[in-house]
Amino acid sequence: MIQWNKDKDNKANTESNKKYGLVANMLKTGKYADWEIINIFINLVVAGGETPALVCCKTLAAMIANPEVMKKAVKEVDDVIGDGDCEVRHLPDLEYLDCCIKEGLRRYAPATIVGRSVKQDV
């Protein structure tokens, strides 16, 4: 992707990407080495995918470990949604489930540990 953006003769690289694309703009600044761009994108991919899934799993596990909480959440979903599909219009009425999700985010906050260290003085 970096080389693709650097290639001046690349006909597939649109003017829009050259103007608004994240990699293109990072390259234009001249502040980022290729390895830094790669590390930033690895962080984006990992933080954008793994952590939300982990928070969901831990929150569900906590709800299962507390049968009263799970029973109350399931009843609310059944009462509000019934046998149909969950739709945006249902969300304001899922107050208890909203509290469970917020508590899960509080207890199992994603990205609370950032594994970076200084390797040289700046």
PDB file of N, CA and C in Angstrom:
ATOM      1  N   MET A   1       0.832  -1.182   0.000  1.00  0.00           N
ATOM      2  CA  MET A   1       0.000   0.000   0.000  1.00  0.00           C
ATOM      3  C   MET A   1       0.879   1.249   0.000  1.00  0.00           C
ATOM      4  N   ILE A   2       1.951   1.216   0.769  1.00  0.00           N
ATOM      5  CA  ILE A   2       2.844   2.379   0.819  1.00  0.00           C
ATOM      6  C   ILE A   2       3.483   2.592  -0.550  1.00  0.00           C
ATOM      7  N   GLN A   3       4.032   1.527  -1.119  1.00  0.00           N
ATOM      8  CA  GLN A   3       4.670   1.643  -2.441  1.00  0.00           C
ATOM      9  C   GLN A   3       3.639   2.032  -3.500  1.00  0.00           C
ATOM     10  N   TRP A   4       2.438   1.496  -3.375  1.00  0.00           N
ATOM     11  CA  TRP A   4       1.354   1.817  -4.312  1.00  0.00           C
ATOM     12  C   TRP A   4       1.066   3.315  -4.289  1.00  0.00           C
ATOM     13  N   ASN A   5       1.083   3.925  -3.104  1.00  0.00           N
ATOM     14  CA  ASN A   5       0.859   5.364  -2.976  1.00  0.00           C
ATOM     15  C   ASN A   5       2.060   6.180  -3.433  1.00  0.00           C
ATOM     16  N   LYS A   6       3.255   5.640  -3.277  1.00  0.00           N
ATOM     17  CA  LYS A   6       4.464   6.355  -3.685  1.00  0.00           C
ATOM     18  C   LYS A   6       4.645   6.382  -5.197  1.00  0.00           C
ATOM     19  N   ASP A   7       4.122   5.377  -5.882  1.00  0.00           N
ATOM     20  CA  ASP A   7       4.312   5.242  -7.331  1.00  0.00           C
ATOM     21  C   ASP A   7       3.604   6.372  -8.073  1.00  0.00           C
ATOM     22  N   LYS A   8       4.380   7.291  -8.647  1.00  0.00           N
ATOM     23  CA  LYS A   8       3.832   8.465  -9.345  1.00  0.00           C
ATOM     24  C   LYS A   8       3.107   8.082 -10.637  1.00  0.00           C
ATOM     25  N   ASP A   9       3.493   6.949 -11.254  1.00  0.00           N
ATOM     26  CA  ASP A   9       2.885   6.515 -12.513  1.00  0.00           C
ATOM     27  C   ASP A   9       1.697   5.581 -12.316  1.00  0.00           C
ATOM     28  N   ASN A  10       1.258   5.403 -11.084  1.00  0.00           N
ATOM     29  CA  ASN A  10       0.153   4.494 -10.776  1.00  0.00           C
ATOM     30  C   ASN A  10      -1.166   5.112 -11.257  1.00  0.00           C
ATOM     31  N   LYS A  11      -1.711   4.572 -12.316  1.00  0.00           N
ATOM     32  CA  LYS A  11      -2.951   5.095 -12.909  1.00  0.00           C
ATOM     33  C   LYS A  11      -4.176   4.766 -12.049  1.00  0.00           C
ATOM     34  N   ALA A  12      -4.090   3.733 -11.216  1.00  0.00           N
ATOM     35  CA  ALA A  12      -5.224   3.332 -10.375  1.00  0.00           C
ATOM     36  C   ALA A  12      -5.377   4.233  -9.152  1.00  0.00           C
ATOM     37  N   ASN A  13      -4.320   4.978  -8.823  1.00  0.00           N
ATOM     38  CA  ASN A  13      -4.371   5.870  -7.664  1.00  0.00           C
ATOM     39  C   ASN A  13      -5.140   7.129  -8.060  1.00  0.00           C
ATOM     40  N   THR A  14      -6.350   7.250  -7.575  1.00  0.00           N
ATOM     41  CA  THR A  14      -7.229   8.348  -7.977  1.00  0.00           C
ATOM     42  C   THR A  14      -6.799   9.675  -7.366  1.00  0.00           C
ATOM     43  N   GLU A  15      -7.247  10.753  -7.979  1.00  0.00           N
ATOM     44  CA  GLU A  15      -6.965  12.086  -7.437  1.00  0.00           C
ATOM     45  C   GLU A  15      -7.565  12.235  -6.042  1.00  0.00           C
ATOM     46  N   SER A  16      -8.722  11.632  -5.843  1.00  0.00           N
ATOM     47  CA  SER A  16      -9.370  11.688  -4.530  1.00  0.00           C
ATOM     48  C   SER A  16      -8.501  11.031  -3.469  1.00  0.00           C
ATOM     49  N   ASN A  17      -7.928   9.859  -3.791  1.00  0.00           N
ATOM     50  CA  ASN A  17      -7.062   9.174  -2.826  1.00  0.00           C
ATOM     51  C   ASN A  17      -5.805   9.995  -2.568  1.00  0.00           C
ATOM     52  N   LYS A  18      -5.251  10.584  -3.636  1.00  0.00           N
ATOM     53  CA  LYS A  18      -4.038  11.384  -3.464  1.00  0.00           C
ATOM     54  C   LYS A  18      -4.293  12.585  -2.554  1.00  0.00           C
ATOM     55  N   LYS A  19      -5.504  13.103  -2.599  1.00  0.00           N
ATOM     56  CA  LYS A  19      -5.842  14.283  -1.814  1.00  0.00           C
ATOM     57  C   LYS A  19      -6.303  13.930  -0.398  1.00  0.00           C
ATOM     58  N   TYR A  20      -7.129  12.868  -0.263  1.00  0.00           N
ATOM     59  CA  TYR A  20      -7.765  12.563   1.022  1.00  0.00           C
ATOM     60  C   TYR A  20      -7.300  11.268   1.679  1.00  0.00           C
ATOM     61  N   GLY A  21      -6.593  10.417   0.956  1.00  0.00           N
ATOM     62  CA  GLY A  21      -6.188   9.123   1.504  1.00  0.00           C
ATOM     63  C   GLY A  21      -5.231   9.266   2.676  1.00  0.00           C
ATOM     64  N   LEU A  22      -5.434   8.460   3.699  1.00  0.00           N
ATOM     65  CA  LEU A  22      -4.625   8.556   4.917  1.00  0.00           C
ATOM     66  C   LEU A  22      -3.160   8.262   4.647  1.00  0.00           C
ATOM     67  N   VAL A  23      -2.865   7.175   3.950  1.00  0.00           N
ATOM     68  CA  VAL A  23      -1.469   6.827   3.664  1.00  0.00           C
ATOM     69  C   VAL A  23      -0.837   7.908   2.798  1.00  0.00           C
ATOM     70  N   ALA A  24      -1.568   8.372   1.785  1.00  0.00           N
ATOM     71  CA  ALA A  24      -1.036   9.414   0.903  1.00  0.00           C
ATOM     72  C   ALA A  24      -0.697  10.673   1.689  1.00  0.00           C
ATOM     73  N   ASN A  25      -1.568  11.058   2.599  1.00  0.00           N
ATOM     74  CA  ASN A  25      -1.325  12.262   3.387  1.00  0.00           C
ATOM     75  C   ASN A  25      -0.184  12.076   4.386  1.00  0.00           C
ATOM     76  N   MET A  26      -0.063  10.891   4.934  1.00  0.00           N
ATOM     77  CA  MET A  26       1.052  10.628   5.844  1.00  0.00           C
ATOM     78  C   MET A  26       2.378  10.702   5.086  1.00  0.00           C
ATOM     79  N   LEU A  27       2.389  10.177   3.858  1.00  0.00           N
ATOM     80  CA  LEU A  27       3.596  10.231   3.047  1.00  0.00           C
ATOM     81  C   LEU A  27       3.937  11.673   2.658  1.00  0.00           C
ATOM     82  N   LYS A  28       2.907  12.466   2.353  1.00  0.00           N
ATOM     83  CA  LYS A  28       3.123  13.857   1.945  1.00  0.00           C
ATOM     84  C   LYS A  28       3.805  14.684   3.035  1.00  0.00           C
ATOM     85  N   THR A  29       3.488  14.396   4.292  1.00  0.00           N
ATOM     86  CA  THR A  29       4.064  15.194   5.376  1.00  0.00           C
ATOM     87  C   THR A  29       5.563  14.987   5.494  1.00  0.00           C
ATOM     88  N   GLY A  30       6.033  13.815   5.102  1.00  0.00           N
ATOM     89  CA  GLY A  30       7.447  13.505   5.229  1.00  0.00           C
ATOM     90  C   GLY A  30       7.862  13.214   6.669  1.00  0.00           C
ATOM     91  N   LYS A  31       6.903  13.153   7.571  1.00  0.00           N
ATOM     92  CA  LYS A  31       7.202  12.940   8.991  1.00  0.00           C
ATOM     93  C   LYS A  31       7.237  11.466   9.383  1.00  0.00           C
ATOM     94  N   TYR A  32       6.753  10.599   8.512  1.00  0.00           N
ATOM     95  CA  TYR A  32       6.611   9.189   8.872  1.00  0.00           C
ATOM     96  C   TYR A  32       7.485   8.315   7.977  1.00  0.00           C
ATOM     97  N   ALA A  33       8.249   7.441   8.620  1.00  0.00           N
ATOM     98  CA  ALA A  33       8.978   6.417   7.873  1.00  0.00           C
ATOM     99  C   ALA A  33       7.981   5.310   7.513  1.00  0.00           C
ATOM    100  N   ASP A  34       8.327   4.515   6.532  1.00  0.00           N
ATOM    101  CA  ASP A  34       7.435   3.424   6.119  1.00  0.00           C
ATOM    102  C   ASP A  34       7.064   2.525   7.293  1.00  0.00           C
ATOM    103  N   TRP A  35       8.047   2.187   8.126  1.00  0.00           N
ATOM    104  CA  TRP A  35       7.773   1.289   9.255  1.00  0.00           C
ATOM    105  C   TRP A  35       6.803   1.918  10.247  1.00  0.00           C
ATOM    106  N   GLU A  36       6.843   3.259  10.376  1.00  0.00           N
ATOM    107  CA  GLU A  36       5.916   3.923  11.293  1.00  0.00           C
ATOM    108  C   GLU A  36       4.487   3.848  10.759  1.00  0.00           C
ATOM    109  N   ILE A  37       4.328   4.030   9.467  1.00  0.00           N
ATOM    110  CA  ILE A  37       2.995   3.921   8.853  1.00  0.00           C
ATOM    111  C   ILE A  37       2.456   2.507   9.028  1.00  0.00           C
ATOM    112  N   ILE A  38       3.301   1.525   8.808  1.00  0.00           N
ATOM    113  CA  ILE A  38       2.886   0.126   8.969  1.00  0.00           C
ATOM    114  C   ILE A  38       2.446  -0.128  10.410  1.00  0.00           C
ATOM    115  N   ASN A  39       3.210   0.343  11.388  1.00  0.00           N
ATOM    116  CA  ASN A  39       2.855   0.138  12.805  1.00  0.00           C
ATOM    117  C   ASN A  39       1.555   0.835  13.171  1.00  0.00           C
ATOM    118  N   ILE A  40       1.335   2.024  12.646  1.00  0.00           N
ATOM    119  CA  ILE A  40       0.081   2.733  12.915  1.00  0.00           C
ATOM    120  C   ILE A  40      -1.102   1.931  12.380  1.00  0.00           C
ATOM    121  N   PHE A  41      -0.964   1.388  11.172  1.00  0.00           N
ATOM    122  CA  PHE A  41      -2.070   0.619  10.604  1.00  0.00           C
ATOM    123  C   PHE A  41      -2.281  -0.710  11.324  1.00  0.00           C
ATOM    124  N   ILE A  42      -1.221  -1.317  11.798  1.00  0.00           N
ATOM    125  CA  ILE A  42      -1.383  -2.542  12.591  1.00  0.00           C
ATOM    126  C   ILE A  42      -2.168  -2.215  13.858  1.00  0.00           C
ATOM    127  N   ASN A  43      -1.823  -1.106  14.522  1.00  0.00           N
ATOM    128  CA  ASN A  43      -2.566  -0.685  15.716  1.00  0.00           C
ATOM    129  C   ASN A  43      -4.031  -0.432  15.399  1.00  0.00           C
ATOM    130  N   LEU A  44      -4.307   0.224  14.282  1.00  0.00           N
ATOM    131  CA  LEU A  44      -5.696   0.495  13.896  1.00  0.00           C
ATOM    132  C   LEU A  44      -6.476  -0.796  13.673  1.00  0.00           C
ATOM    133  N   VAL A  45      -5.859  -1.754  13.006  1.00  0.00           N
ATOM    134  CA  VAL A  45      -6.545  -3.018  12.714  1.00  0.00           C
ATOM    135  C   VAL A  45      -6.800  -3.802  13.996  1.00  0.00           C
ATOM    136  N   VAL A  46      -5.792  -3.916  14.841  1.00  0.00           N
ATOM    137  CA  VAL A  46      -5.941  -4.676  16.085  1.00  0.00           C
ATOM    138  C   VAL A  46      -6.928  -3.991  17.013  1.00  0.00           C
ATOM    139  N   ALA A  47      -6.761  -2.702  17.219  1.00  0.00           N
ATOM    140  CA  ALA A  47      -7.657  -1.972  18.131  1.00  0.00           C
ATOM    141  C   ALA A  47      -9.070  -1.900  17.576  1.00  0.00           C
ATOM    142  N   GLY A  48      -9.191  -1.862  16.269  1.00  0.00           N
ATOM    143  CA  GLY A  48     -10.511  -1.748  15.666  1.00  0.00           C
ATOM    144  C   GLY A  48     -11.278  -3.049  15.582  1.00  0.00           C
ATOM    145  N   GLY A  49     -10.633  -4.173  15.785  1.00  0.00           N
ATOM    146  CA  GLY A  49     -11.320  -5.449  15.643  1.00  0.00           C
ATOM    147  C   GLY A  49     -11.312  -6.316  16.876  1.00  0.00           C
ATOM    148  N   GLU A  50     -10.140  -6.523  17.422  1.00  0.00           N
ATOM    149  CA  GLU A  50     -10.012  -7.433  18.560  1.00  0.00           C
ATOM    150  C   GLU A  50     -10.650  -6.895  19.821  1.00  0.00           C
ATOM    151  N   THR A  51     -10.397  -5.648  20.159  1.00  0.00           N
ATOM    152  CA  THR A  51     -10.856  -5.144  21.450  1.00  0.00           C
ATOM    153  C   THR A  51     -12.375  -5.082  21.585  1.00  0.00           C
ATOM    154  N   PRO A  52     -13.123  -4.642  20.561  1.00  0.00           N
ATOM    155  CA  PRO A  52     -14.586  -4.670  20.730  1.00  0.00           C
ATOM    156  C   PRO A  52     -15.123  -6.088  20.921  1.00  0.00           C
ATOM    157  N   ALA A  53     -14.550  -7.044  20.186  1.00  0.00           N
ATOM    158  CA  ALA A  53     -14.995  -8.432  20.332  1.00  0.00           C
ATOM    159  C   ALA A  53     -14.673  -8.956  21.727  1.00  0.00           C
ATOM    160  N   LEU A  54     -13.510  -8.603  22.236  1.00  0.00           N
ATOM    161  CA  LEU A  54     -13.117  -9.042  23.573  1.00  0.00           C
ATOM    162  C   LEU A  54     -14.028  -8.439  24.641  1.00  0.00           C
ATOM    163  N   VAL A  55     -14.355  -7.163  24.501  1.00  0.00           N
ATOM    164  CA  VAL A  55     -15.265  -6.509  25.454  1.00  0.00           C
ATOM    165  C   VAL A  55     -16.629  -7.185  25.425  1.00  0.00           C
ATOM    166  N   CYS A  56     -17.130  -7.494  24.237  1.00  0.00           N
ATOM    167  CA  CYS A  56     -18.435  -8.177  24.120  1.00  0.00           C
ATOM    168  C   CYS A  56     -18.398  -9.541  24.808  1.00  0.00           C
ATOM    169  N   CYS A  57     -17.342 -10.308  24.562  1.00  0.00           N
ATOM    170  CA  CYS A  57     -17.233 -11.647  25.169  1.00  0.00           C
ATOM    171  C   CYS A  57     -17.162 -11.567  26.688  1.00  0.00           C
ATOM    172  N   LYS A  58     -16.356 -10.647  27.198  1.00  0.00           N
ATOM    173  CA  LYS A  58     -16.221 -10.524  28.652  1.00  0.00           C
ATOM    174  C   LYS A  58     -17.524 -10.036  29.292  1.00  0.00           C
ATOM    175  N   THR A  59     -18.223  -9.129  28.612  1.00  0.00           N
ATOM    176  CA  THR A  59     -19.493  -8.623  29.139  1.00  0.00           C
ATOM    177  C   THR A  59     -20.529  -9.737  29.175  1.00  0.00           C
ATOM    178  N   LEU A  60     -20.619 -10.512  28.105  1.00  0.00           N
ATOM    179  CA  LEU A  60     -21.563 -11.641  28.087  1.00  0.00           C
ATOM    180  C   LEU A  60     -21.205 -12.673  29.153  1.00  0.00           C
ATOM    181  N   ALA A  61     -19.918 -12.934  29.323  1.00  0.00           N
ATOM    182  CA  ALA A  61     -19.493 -13.892  30.349  1.00  0.00           C
ATOM    183  C   ALA A  61     -19.890 -13.400  31.747  1.00  0.00           C
ATOM    184  N   ALA A  62     -19.746 -12.101  31.978  1.00  0.00           N
ATOM    185  CA  ALA A  62     -20.134 -11.542  33.279  1.00  0.00           C
ATOM    186  C   ALA A  62     -21.640 -11.631  33.476  1.00  0.00           C
ATOM    187  N   MET A  63     -22.396 -11.408  32.409  1.00  0.00           N
ATOM    188  CA  MET A  63     -23.857 -11.510  32.508  1.00  0.00           C
ATOM    189  C   MET A  63     -24.280 -12.955  32.770  1.00  0.00           C
ATOM    190  N   ILE A  64     -23.635 -13.892  32.118  1.00  0.00           N
ATOM    191  CA  ILE A  64     -23.950 -15.317  32.313  1.00  0.00           C
ATOM    192  C   ILE A  64     -23.599 -15.741  33.739  1.00  0.00           C
ATOM    193  N   ALA A  65     -22.515 -15.196  34.271  1.00  0.00           N
ATOM    194  CA  ALA A  65     -22.099 -15.524  35.634  1.00  0.00           C
ATOM    195  C   ALA A  65     -23.072 -14.988  36.679  1.00  0.00           C
ATOM    196  N   ASN A  66     -23.901 -14.038  36.296  1.00  0.00           N
ATOM    197  CA  ASN A  66     -24.899 -13.474  37.201  1.00  0.00           C
ATOM    198  C   ASN A  66     -26.284 -13.743  36.593  1.00  0.00           C
ATOM    199  N   PRO A  67     -26.899 -14.895  36.921  1.00  0.00           N
ATOM    200  CA  PRO A  67     -28.156 -15.306  36.292  1.00  0.00           C
ATOM    201  C   PRO A  67     -29.285 -14.273  36.389  1.00  0.00           C
ATOM    202  N   GLU A  68     -29.347 -13.531  37.477  1.00  0.00           N
ATOM    203  CA  GLU A  68     -30.417 -12.524  37.613  1.00  0.00           C
ATOM    204  C   GLU A  68     -30.255 -11.406  36.576  1.00  0.00           C
ATOM    205  N   VAL A  69     -29.020 -11.002  36.353  1.00  0.00           N
ATOM    206  CA  VAL A  69     -28.745  -9.960  35.351  1.00  0.00           C
ATOM    207  C   VAL A  69     -29.124 -10.477  33.966  1.00  0.00           C
ATOM    208  N   MET A  70     -28.703 -11.693  33.656  1.00  0.00           N
ATOM    209  CA  MET A  70     -28.993 -12.268  32.347  1.00  0.00           C
ATOM    210  C   MET A  70     -30.493 -12.442  32.143  1.00  0.00           C
ATOM    211  N   LYS A  71     -31.169 -12.928  33.164  1.00  0.00           N
ATOM    212  CA  LYS A  71     -32.622 -13.137  33.089  1.00  0.00           C
ATOM    213  C   LYS A  71     -33.344 -11.819  32.822  1.00  0.00           C
ATOM    214  N   LYS A  72     -32.932 -10.759  33.512  1.00  0.00           N
ATOM    215  CA  LYS A  72     -33.559  -9.450  33.353  1.00  0.00           C
ATOM    216  C   LYS A  72     -33.290  -8.886  31.941  1.00  0.00           C
ATOM    217  N   ALA A  73     -32.069  -9.058  31.449  1.00  0.00           N
ATOM    218  CA  ALA A  73     -31.720  -8.566  30.109  1.00  0.00           C
ATOM    219  C   ALA A  73     -32.494  -9.324  29.026  1.00  0.00           C
ATOM    220  N   VAL A  74     -32.578 -10.649  29.163  1.00  0.00           N
ATOM    221  CA  VAL A  74     -33.317 -11.460  28.190  1.00  0.00           C
ATOM    222  C   VAL A  74     -34.801 -11.096  28.206  1.00  0.00           C
ATOM    223  N   LYS A  75     -35.363 -10.903  29.385  1.00  0.00           N
ATOM    224  CA  LYS A  75     -36.782 -10.513  29.485  1.00  0.00           C
ATOM    225  C   LYS A  75     -37.025  -9.175  28.801  1.00  0.00           C
ATOM    226  N   GLU A  76     -36.121  -8.225  29.018  1.00  0.00           N
ATOM    227  CA  GLU A  76     -36.280  -6.918  28.378  1.00  0.00           C
ATOM    228  C   GLU A  76     -36.243  -7.052  26.860  1.00  0.00           C
ATOM    229  N   VAL A  77     -35.304  -7.820  26.340  1.00  0.00           N
ATOM    230  CA  VAL A  77     -35.210  -8.028  24.894  1.00  0.00           C
ATOM    231  C   VAL A  77     -36.484  -8.686  24.375  1.00  0.00           C
ATOM    232  N   ASP A  78     -36.970  -9.705  25.064  1.00  0.00           N
ATOM    233  CA  ASP A  78     -38.203 -10.377  24.656  1.00  0.00           C
ATOM    234  C   ASP A  78     -39.401  -9.432  24.693  1.00  0.00           C
ATOM    235  N   ASP A  79     -39.491  -8.616  25.726  1.00  0.00           N
ATOM    236  CA  ASP A  79     -40.613  -7.677  25.856  1.00  0.00           C
ATOM    237  C   ASP A  79     -40.576  -6.586  24.790  1.00  0.00           C
ATOM    238  N   VAL A  80     -39.400  -6.062  24.508  1.00  0.00           N
ATOM    239  CA  VAL A  80     -39.269  -4.935  23.572  1.00  0.00           C
ATOM    240  C   VAL A  80     -39.287  -5.402  22.120  1.00  0.00           C
ATOM    241  N   ILE A  81     -38.548  -6.451  21.814  1.00  0.00           N
ATOM    242  CA  ILE A  81     -38.395  -6.884  20.419  1.00  0.00           C
ATOM    243  C   ILE A  81     -39.355  -8.004  20.055  1.00  0.00           C
ATOM    244  N   GLY A  82     -39.602  -8.901  20.978  1.00  0.00           N
ATOM    245  CA  GLY A  82     -40.471 -10.039  20.685  1.00  0.00           C
ATOM    246  C   GLY A  82     -39.782 -11.034  19.776  1.00  0.00           C
ATOM    247  N   ASP A  83     -40.538 -11.561  18.806  1.00  0.00           N
ATOM    248  CA  ASP A  83     -39.993 -12.572  17.897  1.00  0.00           C
ATOM    249  C   ASP A  83     -39.363 -11.977  16.645  1.00  0.00           C
ATOM    250  N   GLY A  84     -39.500 -10.665  16.450  1.00  0.00           N
ATOM    251  CA  GLY A  84     -38.965 -10.029  15.239  1.00  0.00           C
ATOM    252  C   GLY A  84     -37.482  -9.735  15.333  1.00  0.00           C
ATOM    253  N   ASP A  85     -37.009  -8.993  14.359  1.00  0.00           N
ATOM    254  CA  ASP A  85     -35.605  -8.581  14.332  1.00  0.00           C
ATOM    255  C   ASP A  85     -35.424  -7.303  15.143  1.00  0.00           C
ATOM    256  N   CYS A  86     -34.250  -7.151  15.695  1.00  0.00           N
ATOM    257  CA  CYS A  86     -33.927  -5.924  16.424  1.00  0.00           C
ATOM    258  C   CYS A  86     -33.745  -4.803  15.401  1.00  0.00           C
ATOM    259  N   GLU A  87     -34.425  -3.692  15.639  1.00  0.00           N
ATOM    260  CA  GLU A  87     -34.345  -2.546  14.738  1.00  0.00           C
ATOM    261  C   GLU A  87     -33.923  -1.317  15.529  1.00  0.00           C
ATOM    262  N   VAL A  88     -33.483  -0.304  14.827  1.00  0.00           N
ATOM    263  CA  VAL A  88     -33.013   0.927  15.469  1.00  0.00           C
ATOM    264  C   VAL A  88     -34.081   1.509  16.391  1.00  0.00           C
ATOM    265  N   ARG A  89     -35.328   1.412  16.002  1.00  0.00           N
ATOM    266  CA  ARG A  89     -36.422   1.979  16.810  1.00  0.00           C
ATOM    267  C   ARG A  89     -36.549   1.303  18.182  1.00  0.00           C
ATOM    268  N   HIS A  90     -36.027   0.087  18.324  1.00  0.00           N
ATOM    269  CA  HIS A  90     -36.092  -0.632  19.601  1.00  0.00           C
ATOM    270  C   HIS A  90     -35.047  -0.145  20.615  1.00  0.00           C
ATOM    271  N   LEU A  91     -33.958   0.418  20.127  1.00  0.00           N
ATOM    272  CA  LEU A  91     -32.818   0.721  20.997  1.00  0.00           C
ATOM    273  C   LEU A  91     -33.140   1.618  22.190  1.00  0.00           C
ATOM    274  N   PRO A  92     -33.915   2.695  22.027  1.00  0.00           N
ATOM    275  CA  PRO A  92     -34.205   3.528  23.210  1.00  0.00           C
ATOM    276  C   PRO A  92     -34.952   2.791  24.317  1.00  0.00           C
ATOM    277  N   ASP A  93     -35.674   1.736  23.970  1.00  0.00           N
ATOM    278  CA  ASP A  93     -36.447   0.985  24.955  1.00  0.00           C
ATOM    279  C   ASP A  93     -35.644  -0.126  25.633  1.00  0.00           C
ATOM    280  N   LEU A  94     -34.439  -0.365  25.175  1.00  0.00           N
ATOM    281  CA  LEU A  94     -33.587  -1.404  25.770  1.00  0.00           C
ATOM    282  C   LEU A  94     -32.669  -0.768  26.822  1.00  0.00           C
ATOM    283  N   GLU A  95     -33.290  -0.186  27.839  1.00  0.00           N
ATOM    284  CA  GLU A  95     -32.555   0.582  28.843  1.00  0.00           C
ATOM    285  C   GLU A  95     -31.647  -0.287  29.711  1.00  0.00           C
ATOM    286  N   TYR A  96     -32.147  -1.425  30.148  1.00  0.00           N
ATOM    287  CA  TYR A  96     -31.334  -2.293  31.014  1.00  0.00           C
ATOM    288  C   TYR A  96     -30.154  -2.873  30.243  1.00  0.00           C
ATOM    289  N   LEU A  97     -30.402  -3.299  29.016  1.00  0.00           N
ATOM    290  CA  LEU A  97     -29.331  -3.834  28.184  1.00  0.00           C
ATOM    291  C   LEU A  97     -28.282  -2.756  27.917  1.00  0.00           C
ATOM    292  N   ASP A  98     -28.740  -1.521  27.723  1.00  0.00           N
ATOM    293  CA  ASP A  98     -27.823  -0.399  27.534  1.00  0.00           C
ATOM    294  C   ASP A  98     -26.926  -0.240  28.765  1.00  0.00           C
ATOM    295  N   CYS A  99     -27.517  -0.364  29.949  1.00  0.00           N
ATOM    296  CA  CYS A  99     -26.733  -0.277  31.193  1.00  0.00           C
ATOM    297  C   CYS A  99     -25.719  -1.411  31.278  1.00  0.00           C
ATOM    298  N   CYS A 100     -26.124  -2.613  30.858  1.00  0.00           N
ATOM    299  CA  CYS A 100     -25.202  -3.764  30.881  1.00  0.00           C
ATOM    300  C   CYS A 100     -24.014  -3.517  29.949  1.00  0.00           C
ATOM    301  N   ILE A 101     -24.298  -2.995  28.773  1.00  0.00           N
ATOM    302  CA  ILE A 101     -23.231  -2.709  27.802  1.00  0.00           C
ATOM    303  C   ILE A 101     -22.289  -1.642  28.355  1.00  0.00           C
ATOM    304  N   LYS A 102     -22.853  -0.589  28.925  1.00  0.00           N
ATOM    305  CA  LYS A 102     -22.016   0.480  29.483  1.00  0.00           C
ATOM    306  C   LYS A 102     -21.173  -0.029  30.650  1.00  0.00           C
ATOM    307  N   GLU A 103     -21.736  -0.892  31.473  1.00  0.00           N
ATOM    308  CA  GLU A 103     -20.976  -1.472  32.577  1.00  0.00           C
ATOM    309  C   GLU A 103     -19.853  -2.357  32.043  1.00  0.00           C
ATOM    310  N   GLY A 104     -20.145  -3.105  30.981  1.00  0.00           N
ATOM    311  CA  GLY A 104     -19.102  -3.923  30.357  1.00  0.00           C
ATOM    312  C   GLY A 104     -17.968  -3.070  29.809  1.00  0.00           C
ATOM    313  N   LEU A 105     -18.317  -1.962  29.173  1.00  0.00           N
ATOM    314  CA  LEU A 105     -17.280  -1.050  28.664  1.00  0.00           C
ATOM    315  C   LEU A 105     -16.482  -0.426  29.804  1.00  0.00           C
ATOM    316  N   ARG A 106     -17.154  -0.157  30.919  1.00  0.00           N
ATOM    317  CA  ARG A 106     -16.454   0.410  32.067  1.00  0.00           C
ATOM    318  C   ARG A 106     -15.492  -0.616  32.682  1.00  0.00           C
ATOM    319  N   ARG A 107     -15.995  -1.838  32.872  1.00  0.00           N
ATOM    320  CA  ARG A 107     -15.183  -2.877  33.519  1.00  0.00           C
ATOM    321  C   ARG A 107     -14.080  -3.419  32.626  1.00  0.00           C
ATOM    322  N   TYR A 108     -14.366  -3.538  31.353  1.00  0.00           N
ATOM    323  CA  TYR A 108     -13.413  -4.157  30.420  1.00  0.00           C
ATOM    324  C   TYR A 108     -13.036  -3.170  29.318  1.00  0.00           C
ATOM    325  N   ALA A 109     -12.691  -1.961  29.713  1.00  0.00           N
ATOM    326  CA  ALA A 109     -12.398  -0.892  28.757  1.00  0.00           C
ATOM    327  C   ALA A 109     -11.365  -1.333  27.731  1.00  0.00           C
ATOM    328  N   PRO A 110     -11.683  -1.149  26.453  1.00  0.00           N
ATOM    329  CA  PRO A 110     -10.724  -1.524  25.423  1.00  0.00           C
ATOM    330  C   PRO A 110      -9.530  -0.567  25.418  1.00  0.00           C
ATOM    331  N   ALA A 111      -8.396  -1.080  25.034  1.00  0.00           N
ATOM    332  CA  ALA A 111      -7.172  -0.290  24.849  1.00  0.00           C
ATOM    333  C   ALA A 111      -6.748   0.456  26.110  1.00  0.00           C
ATOM    334  N   THR A 112      -6.803  -0.223  27.240  1.00  0.00           N
ATOM    335  CA  THR A 112      -6.352   0.428  28.474  1.00  0.00           C
ATOM    336  C   THR A 112      -4.844   0.317  28.641  1.00  0.00           C
ATOM    337  N   ILE A 113      -4.249  -0.624  27.935  1.00  0.00           N
ATOM    338  CA  ILE A 113      -2.802  -0.795  28.006  1.00  0.00           C
ATOM    339  C   ILE A 113      -2.232  -0.580  26.612  1.00  0.00           C
ATOM    340  N   VAL A 114      -1.309   0.336  26.510  1.00  0.00           N
ATOM    341  CA  VAL A 114      -0.649   0.591  25.234  1.00  0.00           C
ATOM    342  C   VAL A 114       0.804   0.185  25.389  1.00  0.00           C
ATOM    343  N   GLY A 115       1.209  -0.803  24.630  1.00  0.00           N
ATOM    344  CA  GLY A 115       2.561  -1.336  24.753  1.00  0.00           C
ATOM    345  C   GLY A 115       3.577  -0.579  23.930  1.00  0.00           C
ATOM    346  N   ARG A 116       3.919   0.622  24.357  1.00  0.00           N
ATOM    347  CA  ARG A 116       4.929   1.413  23.657  1.00  0.00           C
ATOM    348  C   ARG A 116       6.021   1.795  24.647  1.00  0.00           C
ATOM    349  N   SER A 117       7.214   1.966  24.124  1.00  0.00           N
ATOM    350  CA  SER A 117       8.307   2.406  24.968  1.00  0.00           C
ATOM    351  C   SER A 117       9.224   3.310  24.163  1.00  0.00           C
ATOM    352  N   VAL A 118       9.916   4.176  24.858  1.00  0.00           N
ATOM    353  CA  VAL A 118      10.854   5.095  24.218  1.00  0.00           C
ATOM    354  C   VAL A 118      12.155   4.344  23.958  1.00  0.00           C
ATOM    355  N   LYS A 119      12.634   4.410  22.739  1.00  0.00           N
ATOM    356  CA  LYS A 119      13.875   3.715  22.395  1.00  0.00           C
ATOM    357  C   LYS A 119      15.054   4.648  22.276  1.00  0.00           C
ATOM    358  N   GLN A 120      14.771   5.939  22.119  1.00  0.00           N
ATOM    359  CA  GLN A 120      15.851   6.914  22.042  1.00  0.00           C
ATOM    360  C   GLN A 120      15.346   8.277  22.483  1.00  0.00           C
ATOM    361  N   ASP A 121      16.264   9.095  22.937  1.00  0.00           N
ATOM    362  CA  ASP A 121      15.902  10.459  23.320  1.00  0.00           C
ATOM    363  C   ASP A 121      15.541  11.248  22.074  1.00  0.00           C
ATOM    364  N   VAL A 122      14.596  12.161  22.257  1.00  0.00           N
ATOM    365  CA  VAL A 122      14.160  12.998  21.128  1.00  0.00           C
ATOM    366  C   VAL A 122      14.750  14.386  21.269  1.00  0.00           C
TER     367      VAL A 122
END
